[in-house]
C-alpha atoms as a PDB file:
ATOM      1  CA  UNK A   1      17.092  39.737 -34.047  1.00  0.00           C
ATOM      2  CA  UNK A   2      20.358  38.704 -32.409  1.00  0.00           C
ATOM      3  CA  UNK A   3      19.240  40.220 -29.083  1.00  0.00           C
ATOM      4  CA  UNK A   4      15.985  38.229 -29.206  1.00  0.00           C
ATOM      5  CA  UNK A   5      17.908  35.028 -29.876  1.00  0.00           C
ATOM      6  CA  UNK A   6      20.272  35.822 -27.007  1.00  0.00           C
ATOM      7  CA  UNK A   7      17.326  36.466 -24.649  1.00  0.00           C
ATOM      8  CA  UNK A   8      15.736  33.145 -25.640  1.00  0.00           C
ATOM      9  CA  UNK A   9      19.016  31.345 -24.967  1.00  0.00           C
ATOM     10  CA  UNK A  10      19.367  32.969 -21.538  1.00  0.00           C
ATOM     11  CA  UNK A  11      15.776  32.031 -20.673  1.00  0.00           C
ATOM     12  CA  UNK A  12      16.339  28.417 -21.770  1.00  0.00           C
ATOM     13  CA  UNK A  13      19.488  28.144 -19.645  1.00  0.00           C
ATOM     14  CA  UNK A  14      17.646  29.627 -16.649  1.00  0.00           C
ATOM     15  CA  UNK A  15      14.776  27.119 -16.995  1.00  0.00           C
ATOM     16  CA  UNK A  16      17.198  24.204 -17.365  1.00  0.00           C
ATOM     17  CA  UNK A  17      19.073  25.234 -14.219  1.00  0.00           C
ATOM     18  CA  UNK A  18      15.843  25.696 -12.265  1.00  0.00           C
ATOM     19  CA  UNK A  19      14.609  22.236 -13.270  1.00  0.00           C
ATOM     20  CA  UNK A  20      17.961  20.684 -12.388  1.00  0.00           C
ATOM     21  CA  UNK A  21      17.924  22.395  -9.006  1.00  0.00           C
ATOM     22  CA  UNK A  22      14.478  20.961  -8.147  1.00  0.00           C
ATOM     23  CA  UNK A  23      15.503  17.409  -9.008  1.00  0.00           C
ATOM     24  CA  UNK A  24      18.333  17.400  -6.480  1.00  0.00           C
ATOM     25  CA  UNK A  25      15.960  17.541  -3.501  1.00  0.00           C
ATOM     26  CA  UNK A  26      16.332  14.290  -1.565  1.00  0.00           C
ATOM     27  CA  UNK A  27      13.395  12.586   0.108  1.00  0.00           C
ATOM     28  CA  UNK A  28      13.632  12.229   3.859  1.00  0.00           C
ATOM     29  CA  UNK A  29      11.822   8.880   3.863  1.00  0.00           C
ATOM     30  CA  UNK A  30       9.923   6.741   1.389  1.00  0.00           C
ATOM     31  CA  UNK A  31       7.712   4.937   3.893  1.00  0.00           C
ATOM     32  CA  UNK A  32       6.304   6.449   7.065  1.00  0.00           C
ATOM     33  CA  UNK A  33       7.174   4.756  10.355  1.00  0.00           C
ATOM     34  CA  UNK A  34       3.581   3.847  11.163  1.00  0.00           C
ATOM     35  CA  UNK A  35       3.311   2.017   7.830  1.00  0.00           C
ATOM     36  CA  UNK A  36       6.469   0.046   8.621  1.00  0.00           C
ATOM     37  CA  UNK A  37       4.973  -1.107  11.923  1.00  0.00           C
ATOM     38  CA  UNK A  38       1.911  -2.487  10.123  1.00  0.00           C
ATOM     39  CA  UNK A  39       3.476  -5.940   9.758  1.00  0.00           C
ATOM     40  CA  UNK A  40       4.057  -6.247  13.517  1.00  0.00           C
ATOM     41  CA  UNK A  41       1.280  -4.206  15.083  1.00  0.00           C
ATOM     42  CA  UNK A  42      -1.517  -3.961  12.542  1.00  0.00           C
ATOM     43  CA  UNK A  43      -5.069  -5.117  13.157  1.00  0.00           C
ATOM     44  CA  UNK A  44      -4.716  -7.981  10.710  1.00  0.00           C
ATOM     45  CA  UNK A  45      -1.560  -9.365  12.259  1.00  0.00           C
ATOM     46  CA  UNK A  46      -2.866  -9.247  15.793  1.00  0.00           C
ATOM     47  CA  UNK A  47      -6.641  -9.476  15.830  1.00  0.00           C
ATOM     48  CA  UNK A  48      -7.377 -11.755  12.897  1.00  0.00           C
ATOM     49  CA  UNK A  49      -4.601 -14.231  13.669  1.00  0.00           C
ATOM     50  CA  UNK A  50      -5.748 -14.482  17.302  1.00  0.00           C
ATOM     51  CA  UNK A  51      -9.367 -14.967  16.260  1.00  0.00           C
ATOM     52  CA  UNK A  52      -8.389 -17.685  13.781  1.00  0.00           C
ATOM     53  CA  UNK A  53      -6.422 -19.597  16.400  1.00  0.00           C
ATOM     54  CA  UNK A  54      -8.447 -19.025  19.566  1.00  0.00           C
ATOM     55  CA  UNK A  55     -12.095 -18.205  18.860  1.00  0.00           C
ATOM     56  CA  UNK A  56     -13.634 -19.591  15.675  1.00  0.00           C
ATOM     57  CA  UNK A  57     -17.119 -18.279  16.540  1.00  0.00           C
ATOM     58  CA  UNK A  58     -15.894 -14.679  16.916  1.00  0.00           C
ATOM     59  CA  UNK A  59     -13.900 -15.013  13.696  1.00  0.00           C
ATOM     60  CA  UNK A  60     -17.073 -16.078  11.917  1.00  0.00           C
ATOM     61  CA  UNK A  61     -18.947 -13.147  13.483  1.00  0.00           C
ATOM     62  CA  UNK A  62     -16.188 -10.745  12.383  1.00  0.00           C
ATOM     63  CA  UNK A  63     -15.988 -11.915   8.746  1.00  0.00           C
ATOM     64  CA  UNK A  64     -19.320 -13.723   8.281  1.00  0.00           C
ATOM     65  CA  UNK A  65     -17.282 -16.702   7.006  1.00  0.00           C
ATOM     66  CA  UNK A  66     -15.367 -19.542   8.625  1.00  0.00           C
ATOM     67  CA  UNK A  67     -11.564 -19.614   8.539  1.00  0.00           C
ATOM     68  CA  UNK A  68     -11.672 -22.510   6.063  1.00  0.00           C
ATOM     69  CA  UNK A  69     -13.960 -20.577   3.715  1.00  0.00           C
ATOM     70  CA  UNK A  70     -11.733 -17.513   3.937  1.00  0.00           C
ATOM     71  CA  UNK A  71      -8.654 -19.594   3.137  1.00  0.00           C
ATOM     72  CA  UNK A  72     -10.473 -21.164   0.183  1.00  0.00           C
ATOM     73  CA  UNK A  73     -11.344 -17.676  -1.076  1.00  0.00           C
ATOM     74  CA  UNK A  74      -7.722 -16.570  -0.681  1.00  0.00           C
ATOM     75  CA  UNK A  75      -6.474 -19.603  -2.611  1.00  0.00           C
ATOM     76  CA  UNK A  76      -9.045 -19.083  -5.358  1.00  0.00           C
ATOM     77  CA  UNK A  77      -8.626 -15.317  -5.894  1.00  0.00           C
ATOM     78  CA  UNK A  78      -5.063 -14.839  -4.624  1.00  0.00           C
ATOM     79  CA  UNK A  79      -3.289 -14.869  -7.992  1.00  0.00           C
ATOM     80  CA  UNK A  80      -5.734 -12.302  -9.382  1.00  0.00           C
ATOM     81  CA  UNK A  81      -5.630  -9.746  -6.563  1.00  0.00           C
ATOM     82  CA  UNK A  82      -2.035 -10.247  -5.413  1.00  0.00           C
ATOM     83  CA  UNK A  83       0.479  -7.436  -5.824  1.00  0.00           C
ATOM     84  CA  UNK A  84       4.278  -7.517  -5.921  1.00  0.00           C
ATOM     85  CA  UNK A  85       6.620  -5.984  -3.376  1.00  0.00           C
ATOM     86  CA  UNK A  86       8.711  -3.099  -4.633  1.00  0.00           C
ATOM     87  CA  UNK A  87      12.063  -1.739  -3.578  1.00  0.00           C
ATOM     88  CA  UNK A  88      10.280   1.093  -1.748  1.00  0.00           C
ATOM     89  CA  UNK A  89       7.620  -0.820   0.191  1.00  0.00           C
ATOM     90  CA  UNK A  90       6.021  -4.196   0.710  1.00  0.00           C
ATOM     91  CA  UNK A  91       2.659  -4.875  -0.872  1.00  0.00           C
ATOM     92  CA  UNK A  92      -0.441  -5.607   1.190  1.00  0.00           C
ATOM     93  CA  UNK A  93      -0.799  -9.386   1.404  1.00  0.00           C
ATOM     94  CA  UNK A  94      -3.600 -11.248  -0.366  1.00  0.00           C
ATOM     95  CA  UNK A  95      -4.950 -12.485   2.960  1.00  0.00           C
ATOM     96  CA  UNK A  96      -5.140  -8.952   4.325  1.00  0.00           C
ATOM     97  CA  UNK A  97      -6.870  -7.693   1.182  1.00  0.00           C
ATOM     98  CA  UNK A  98      -9.495 -10.430   1.456  1.00  0.00           C
ATOM     99  CA  UNK A  99     -10.047  -9.722   5.167  1.00  0.00           C
ATOM    100  CA  UNK A 100     -10.519  -5.989   4.589  1.00  0.00           C
ATOM    101  CA  UNK A 101     -13.010  -6.709   1.816  1.00  0.00           C
ATOM    102  CA  UNK A 102     -14.931  -9.212   3.929  1.00  0.00           C
ATOM    103  CA  UNK A 103     -15.062  -6.827   6.871  1.00  0.00           C
ATOM    104  CA  UNK A 104     -16.350  -4.058   4.620  1.00  0.00           C
ATOM    105  CA  UNK A 105     -19.017  -6.335   3.165  1.00  0.00           C
ATOM    106  CA  UNK A 106     -20.015  -7.500   6.652  1.00  0.00           C
ATOM    107  CA  UNK A 107     -20.336  -4.049   8.204  1.00  0.00           C
ATOM    108  CA  UNK A 108     -20.473  -1.525   5.370  1.00  0.00           C
ATOM    109  CA  UNK A 109     -17.695   0.474   7.062  1.00  0.00           C
END
Protein backbone atom coordinates (compact mmCIF):
# COMPACT_ATOMS: atom_id res chain seq x y z
CA UNK A 1 0.00 0.00 0.00
CA UNK A 2 2.83 2.39 0.85
CA UNK A 3 4.56 1.62 -2.47
CA UNK A 4 1.36 2.42 -4.39
CA UNK A 5 1.02 5.72 -2.54
CA UNK A 6 4.67 6.52 -3.27
CA UNK A 7 4.19 5.73 -6.98
CA UNK A 8 1.13 7.99 -7.13
CA UNK A 9 3.10 10.80 -5.50
CA UNK A 10 5.97 10.41 -7.97
CA UNK A 11 3.53 10.43 -10.89
CA UNK A 12 1.82 13.58 -9.58
CA UNK A 13 5.15 15.38 -9.20
CA UNK A 14 6.17 14.33 -12.72
CA UNK A 15 2.90 15.65 -14.21
CA UNK A 16 3.21 18.93 -12.29
CA UNK A 17 6.76 19.45 -13.55
CA UNK A 18 5.78 18.62 -17.13
CA UNK A 19 2.90 21.11 -17.03
CA UNK A 20 5.14 23.78 -15.53
CA UNK A 21 7.75 23.17 -18.21
CA UNK A 22 5.21 23.69 -21.02
CA UNK A 23 3.98 26.99 -19.59
CA UNK A 24 7.43 28.56 -19.73
CA UNK A 25 7.51 28.57 -23.55
CA UNK A 26 7.54 32.20 -24.70
CA UNK A 27 5.71 33.34 -27.81
CA UNK A 28 7.87 34.81 -30.53
CA UNK A 29 5.21 37.32 -31.58
CA UNK A 30 1.57 37.99 -30.82
CA UNK A 31 0.68 39.68 -34.11
CA UNK A 32 2.12 38.79 -37.49
CA UNK A 33 3.92 41.53 -39.42
CA UNK A 34 1.46 41.51 -42.30
CA UNK A 35 -1.39 42.15 -39.85
CA UNK A 36 0.49 45.11 -38.39
CA UNK A 37 0.84 46.65 -41.85
CA UNK A 38 -2.93 46.48 -42.37
CA UNK A 39 -3.45 49.99 -40.99
CA UNK A 40 -1.02 51.51 -43.50
CA UNK A 41 -1.25 49.27 -46.54
CA UNK A 42 -4.59 47.49 -46.37
CA UNK A 43 -7.24 47.65 -49.08
CA UNK A 44 -9.56 49.67 -46.88
CA UNK A 45 -7.01 52.31 -46.02
CA UNK A 46 -5.87 52.82 -49.57
CA UNK A 47 -8.62 51.91 -52.00
CA UNK A 48 -11.76 52.93 -50.14
CA UNK A 49 -10.37 56.23 -48.89
CA UNK A 50 -9.21 57.15 -52.41
CA UNK A 51 -12.57 56.21 -53.90
CA UNK A 52 -14.41 58.28 -51.29
CA UNK A 53 -12.31 61.35 -51.99
CA UNK A 54 -11.70 61.13 -55.73
CA UNK A 55 -14.36 59.09 -57.54
CA UNK A 56 -17.84 58.98 -56.03
CA UNK A 57 -19.28 56.99 -58.96
CA UNK A 58 -16.71 54.18 -58.58
CA UNK A 59 -17.27 54.17 -54.82
CA UNK A 60 -20.98 53.68 -55.44
CA UNK A 61 -20.21 50.90 -57.93
CA UNK A 62 -17.89 49.22 -55.40
CA UNK A 63 -20.31 49.31 -52.44
CA UNK A 64 -23.68 49.83 -54.15
CA UNK A 65 -24.19 52.79 -51.77
CA UNK A 66 -23.08 56.41 -51.71
CA UNK A 67 -20.46 57.59 -49.22
CA UNK A 68 -23.14 59.49 -47.29
CA UNK A 69 -25.31 56.37 -47.00
CA UNK A 70 -22.34 54.31 -45.85
CA UNK A 71 -21.47 56.90 -43.20
CA UNK A 72 -25.10 56.95 -42.04
CA UNK A 73 -25.00 53.15 -41.74
CA UNK A 74 -21.75 53.34 -39.76
CA UNK A 75 -23.21 55.93 -37.39
CA UNK A 76 -26.39 53.90 -36.93
CA UNK A 77 -24.85 50.45 -36.37
CA UNK A 78 -21.40 51.44 -35.09
CA UNK A 79 -22.08 51.04 -31.36
CA UNK A 80 -23.55 47.57 -31.93
CA UNK A 81 -20.81 46.08 -34.11
CA UNK A 82 -17.81 47.94 -32.69
CA UNK A 83 -15.10 46.02 -30.86
CA UNK A 84 -12.49 47.20 -28.36
CA UNK A 85 -8.75 47.23 -28.87
CA UNK A 86 -6.79 44.87 -26.66
CA UNK A 87 -3.25 44.94 -25.38
CA UNK A 88 -2.30 42.35 -28.01
CA UNK A 89 -3.87 43.84 -31.14
CA UNK A 90 -6.10 46.59 -32.45
CA UNK A 91 -9.67 45.75 -33.36
CA UNK A 92 -10.99 46.07 -36.90
CA UNK A 93 -12.68 49.47 -37.18
CA UNK A 94 -16.45 49.82 -37.54
CA UNK A 95 -16.01 51.49 -40.93
CA UNK A 96 -13.91 48.60 -42.21
CA UNK A 97 -16.42 46.05 -40.93
CA UNK A 98 -19.25 47.83 -42.73
CA UNK A 99 -17.23 48.08 -45.96
CA UNK A 100 -16.36 44.37 -45.93
CA UNK A 101 -20.01 43.49 -45.36
CA UNK A 102 -21.19 45.80 -48.14
CA UNK A 103 -18.62 44.42 -50.56
CA UNK A 104 -19.68 40.87 -49.73
CA UNK A 105 -23.34 41.73 -50.25
CA UNK A 106 -22.54 43.49 -53.53
CA UNK A 107 -20.46 40.69 -55.04
CA UNK A 108 -21.13 37.55 -53.02
CA UNK A 109 -17.37 37.04 -52.61
